[in-house]
Amino acid sequence: MKELPVIQKTYELMKWYIPILNRLPRDHRFAVGTRIINNL
């Protein structure tokens, strides 16, 4: 079964964005970064 394009694009977005969030200062990473990751 072929994966839905939206699922693949969402996975690629997360794969690209999570390392960027991990480079944030600790306070921002846990406050903002965690919320962004959970919403993705």
PDB file of N, CA and C in Angstrom:
ATOM      1  N   MET A   1       0.846  -1.180   0.000  1.00  0.00           N
ATOM      2  CA  MET A   1       0.000   0.000   0.000  1.00  0.00           C
ATOM      3  C   MET A   1       0.895   1.248   0.000  1.00  0.00           C
ATOM      4  N   LYS A   2       0.547   2.174  -0.823  1.00  0.00           N
ATOM      5  CA  LYS A   2       1.309   3.401  -0.945  1.00  0.00           C
ATOM      6  C   LYS A   2       0.938   4.357   0.186  1.00  0.00           C
ATOM      7  N   GLU A   3       1.968   4.962   0.794  1.00  0.00           N
ATOM      8  CA  GLU A   3       1.693   5.908   1.875  1.00  0.00           C
ATOM      9  C   GLU A   3       1.085   7.192   1.320  1.00  0.00           C
ATOM     10  N   LEU A   4       0.273   7.793   2.131  1.00  0.00           N
ATOM     11  CA  LEU A   4      -0.322   9.066   1.743  1.00  0.00           C
ATOM     12  C   LEU A   4       0.761  10.138   1.681  1.00  0.00           C
ATOM     13  N   PRO A   5       0.715  10.992   0.674  1.00  0.00           N
ATOM     14  CA  PRO A   5       1.739  12.030   0.554  1.00  0.00           C
ATOM     15  C   PRO A   5       1.791  12.956   1.772  1.00  0.00           C
ATOM     16  N   VAL A   6       0.642  13.224   2.392  1.00  0.00           N
ATOM     17  CA  VAL A   6       0.627  14.126   3.540  1.00  0.00           C
ATOM     18  C   VAL A   6       1.390  13.514   4.719  1.00  0.00           C
ATOM     19  N   ILE A   7       1.311  12.211   4.885  1.00  0.00           N
ATOM     20  CA  ILE A   7       2.040  11.545   5.966  1.00  0.00           C
ATOM     21  C   ILE A   7       3.536  11.622   5.704  1.00  0.00           C
ATOM     22  N   GLN A   8       3.940  11.382   4.482  1.00  0.00           N
ATOM     23  CA  GLN A   8       5.350  11.449   4.123  1.00  0.00           C
ATOM     24  C   GLN A   8       5.895  12.863   4.304  1.00  0.00           C
ATOM     25  N   LYS A   9       5.150  13.870   3.883  1.00  0.00           N
ATOM     26  CA  LYS A   9       5.587  15.260   4.011  1.00  0.00           C
ATOM     27  C   LYS A   9       5.663  15.672   5.486  1.00  0.00           C
ATOM     28  N   THR A  10       4.722  15.218   6.305  1.00  0.00           N
ATOM     29  CA  THR A  10       4.745  15.522   7.729  1.00  0.00           C
ATOM     30  C   THR A  10       5.961  14.898   8.380  1.00  0.00           C
ATOM     31  N   TYR A  11       6.269  13.671   8.015  1.00  0.00           N
ATOM     32  CA  TYR A  11       7.455  12.996   8.546  1.00  0.00           C
ATOM     33  C   TYR A  11       8.724  13.751   8.151  1.00  0.00           C
ATOM     34  N   GLU A  12       8.811  14.179   6.903  1.00  0.00           N
ATOM     35  CA  GLU A  12       9.979  14.927   6.441  1.00  0.00           C
ATOM     36  C   GLU A  12      10.110  16.253   7.178  1.00  0.00           C
ATOM     37  N   LEU A  13       8.977  16.923   7.447  1.00  0.00           N
ATOM     38  CA  LEU A  13       8.988  18.174   8.198  1.00  0.00           C
ATOM     39  C   LEU A  13       9.524  17.941   9.606  1.00  0.00           C
ATOM     40  N   MET A  14       9.050  16.910  10.261  1.00  0.00           N
ATOM     41  CA  MET A  14       9.509  16.608  11.611  1.00  0.00           C
ATOM     42  C   MET A  14      10.992  16.258  11.619  1.00  0.00           C
ATOM     43  N   LYS A  15      11.411  15.479  10.652  1.00  0.00           N
ATOM     44  CA  LYS A  15      12.812  15.069  10.557  1.00  0.00           C
ATOM     45  C   LYS A  15      13.725  16.287  10.357  1.00  0.00           C
ATOM     46  N   TRP A  16      13.237  17.292   9.656  1.00  0.00           N
ATOM     47  CA  TRP A  16      14.004  18.507   9.408  1.00  0.00           C
ATOM     48  C   TRP A  16      13.947  19.457  10.609  1.00  0.00           C
ATOM     49  N   TYR A  17      12.776  19.552  11.261  1.00  0.00           N
ATOM     50  CA  TYR A  17      12.539  20.585  12.254  1.00  0.00           C
ATOM     51  C   TYR A  17      13.026  20.232  13.649  1.00  0.00           C
ATOM     52  N   ILE A  18      12.966  18.979  14.037  1.00  0.00           N
ATOM     53  CA  ILE A  18      13.347  18.588  15.397  1.00  0.00           C
ATOM     54  C   ILE A  18      14.812  18.902  15.701  1.00  0.00           C
ATOM     55  N   PRO A  19      15.764  18.642  14.802  1.00  0.00           N
ATOM     56  CA  PRO A  19      17.156  19.040  15.109  1.00  0.00           C
ATOM     57  C   PRO A  19      17.309  20.554  15.296  1.00  0.00           C
ATOM     58  N   ILE A  20      16.540  21.345  14.579  1.00  0.00           N
ATOM     59  CA  ILE A  20      16.593  22.801  14.755  1.00  0.00           C
ATOM     60  C   ILE A  20      16.101  23.166  16.154  1.00  0.00           C
ATOM     61  N   LEU A  21      15.018  22.540  16.583  1.00  0.00           N
ATOM     62  CA  LEU A  21      14.489  22.824  17.920  1.00  0.00           C
ATOM     63  C   LEU A  21      15.466  22.396  19.004  1.00  0.00           C
ATOM     64  N   ASN A  22      16.220  21.336  18.765  1.00  0.00           N
ATOM     65  CA  ASN A  22      17.174  20.869  19.760  1.00  0.00           C
ATOM     66  C   ASN A  22      18.341  21.830  19.939  1.00  0.00           C
ATOM     67  N   ARG A  23      18.564  22.711  18.998  1.00  0.00           N
ATOM     68  CA  ARG A  23      19.642  23.698  19.113  1.00  0.00           C
ATOM     69  C   ARG A  23      19.216  24.951  19.869  1.00  0.00           C
ATOM     70  N   LEU A  24      17.945  25.055  20.207  1.00  0.00           N
ATOM     71  CA  LEU A  24      17.468  26.209  20.972  1.00  0.00           C
ATOM     72  C   LEU A  24      18.048  26.173  22.388  1.00  0.00           C
ATOM     73  N   PRO A  25      18.157  27.328  23.032  1.00  0.00           N
ATOM     74  CA  PRO A  25      18.565  27.323  24.442  1.00  0.00           C
ATOM     75  C   PRO A  25      17.597  26.474  25.264  1.00  0.00           C
ATOM     76  N   ARG A  26      18.098  25.932  26.342  1.00  0.00           N
ATOM     77  CA  ARG A  26      17.341  24.964  27.133  1.00  0.00           C
ATOM     78  C   ARG A  26      15.954  25.469  27.541  1.00  0.00           C
ATOM     79  N   ASP A  27      15.871  26.714  28.015  1.00  0.00           N
ATOM     80  CA  ASP A  27      14.568  27.253  28.460  1.00  0.00           C
ATOM     81  C   ASP A  27      13.562  27.276  27.315  1.00  0.00           C
ATOM     82  N   HIS A  28      13.977  27.730  26.163  1.00  0.00           N
ATOM     83  CA  HIS A  28      13.079  27.814  25.017  1.00  0.00           C
ATOM     84  C   HIS A  28      12.757  26.428  24.475  1.00  0.00           C
ATOM     85  N   ARG A  29      13.742  25.540  24.498  1.00  0.00           N
ATOM     86  CA  ARG A  29      13.533  24.194  23.958  1.00  0.00           C
ATOM     87  C   ARG A  29      12.408  23.495  24.702  1.00  0.00           C
ATOM     88  N   PHE A  30      12.411  23.591  26.023  1.00  0.00           N
ATOM     89  CA  PHE A  30      11.403  22.869  26.783  1.00  0.00           C
ATOM     90  C   PHE A  30      10.063  23.586  26.801  1.00  0.00           C
ATOM     91  N   ALA A  31      10.080  24.890  26.709  1.00  0.00           N
ATOM     92  CA  ALA A  31       8.816  25.629  26.723  1.00  0.00           C
ATOM     93  C   ALA A  31       8.169  25.623  25.343  1.00  0.00           C
ATOM     94  N   VAL A  32       8.882  26.091  24.350  1.00  0.00           N
ATOM     95  CA  VAL A  32       8.333  26.240  23.006  1.00  0.00           C
ATOM     96  C   VAL A  32       8.535  24.972  22.188  1.00  0.00           C
ATOM     97  N   GLY A  33       9.732  24.423  22.244  1.00  0.00           N
ATOM     98  CA  GLY A  33      10.065  23.259  21.425  1.00  0.00           C
ATOM     99  C   GLY A  33       9.180  22.057  21.683  1.00  0.00           C
ATOM    100  N   THR A  34       8.921  21.782  22.935  1.00  0.00           N
ATOM    101  CA  THR A  34       8.083  20.630  23.279  1.00  0.00           C
ATOM    102  C   THR A  34       6.667  20.805  22.742  1.00  0.00           C
ATOM    103  N   ARG A  35       6.133  22.014  22.858  1.00  0.00           N
ATOM    104  CA  ARG A  35       4.782  22.264  22.329  1.00  0.00           C
ATOM    105  C   ARG A  35       4.740  22.111  20.820  1.00  0.00           C
ATOM    106  N   ILE A  36       5.763  22.602  20.135  1.00  0.00           N
ATOM    107  CA  ILE A  36       5.798  22.482  18.672  1.00  0.00           C
ATOM    108  C   ILE A  36       5.892  21.029  18.271  1.00  0.00           C
ATOM    109  N   ILE A  37       6.777  20.256  18.917  1.00  0.00           N
ATOM    110  CA  ILE A  37       6.933  18.842  18.575  1.00  0.00           C
ATOM    111  C   ILE A  37       5.636  18.092  18.821  1.00  0.00           C
ATOM    112  N   ASN A  38       4.974  18.357  19.929  1.00  0.00           N
ATOM    113  CA  ASN A  38       3.708  17.666  20.235  1.00  0.00           C
ATOM    114  C   ASN A  38       2.633  17.995  19.202  1.00  0.00           C
ATOM    115  N   ASN A  39       2.621  19.232  18.721  1.00  0.00           N
ATOM    116  CA  ASN A  39       1.614  19.607  17.728  1.00  0.00           C
ATOM    117  C   ASN A  39       1.943  19.072  16.342  1.00  0.00           C
ATOM    118  N   LEU A  40       3.211  18.842  16.077  1.00  0.00           N
ATOM    119  CA  LEU A  40       3.560  18.249  14.778  1.00  0.00           C
ATOM    120  C   LEU A  40       3.107  16.813  14.755  1.00  0.00           C
TER     121      LEU A  40
END
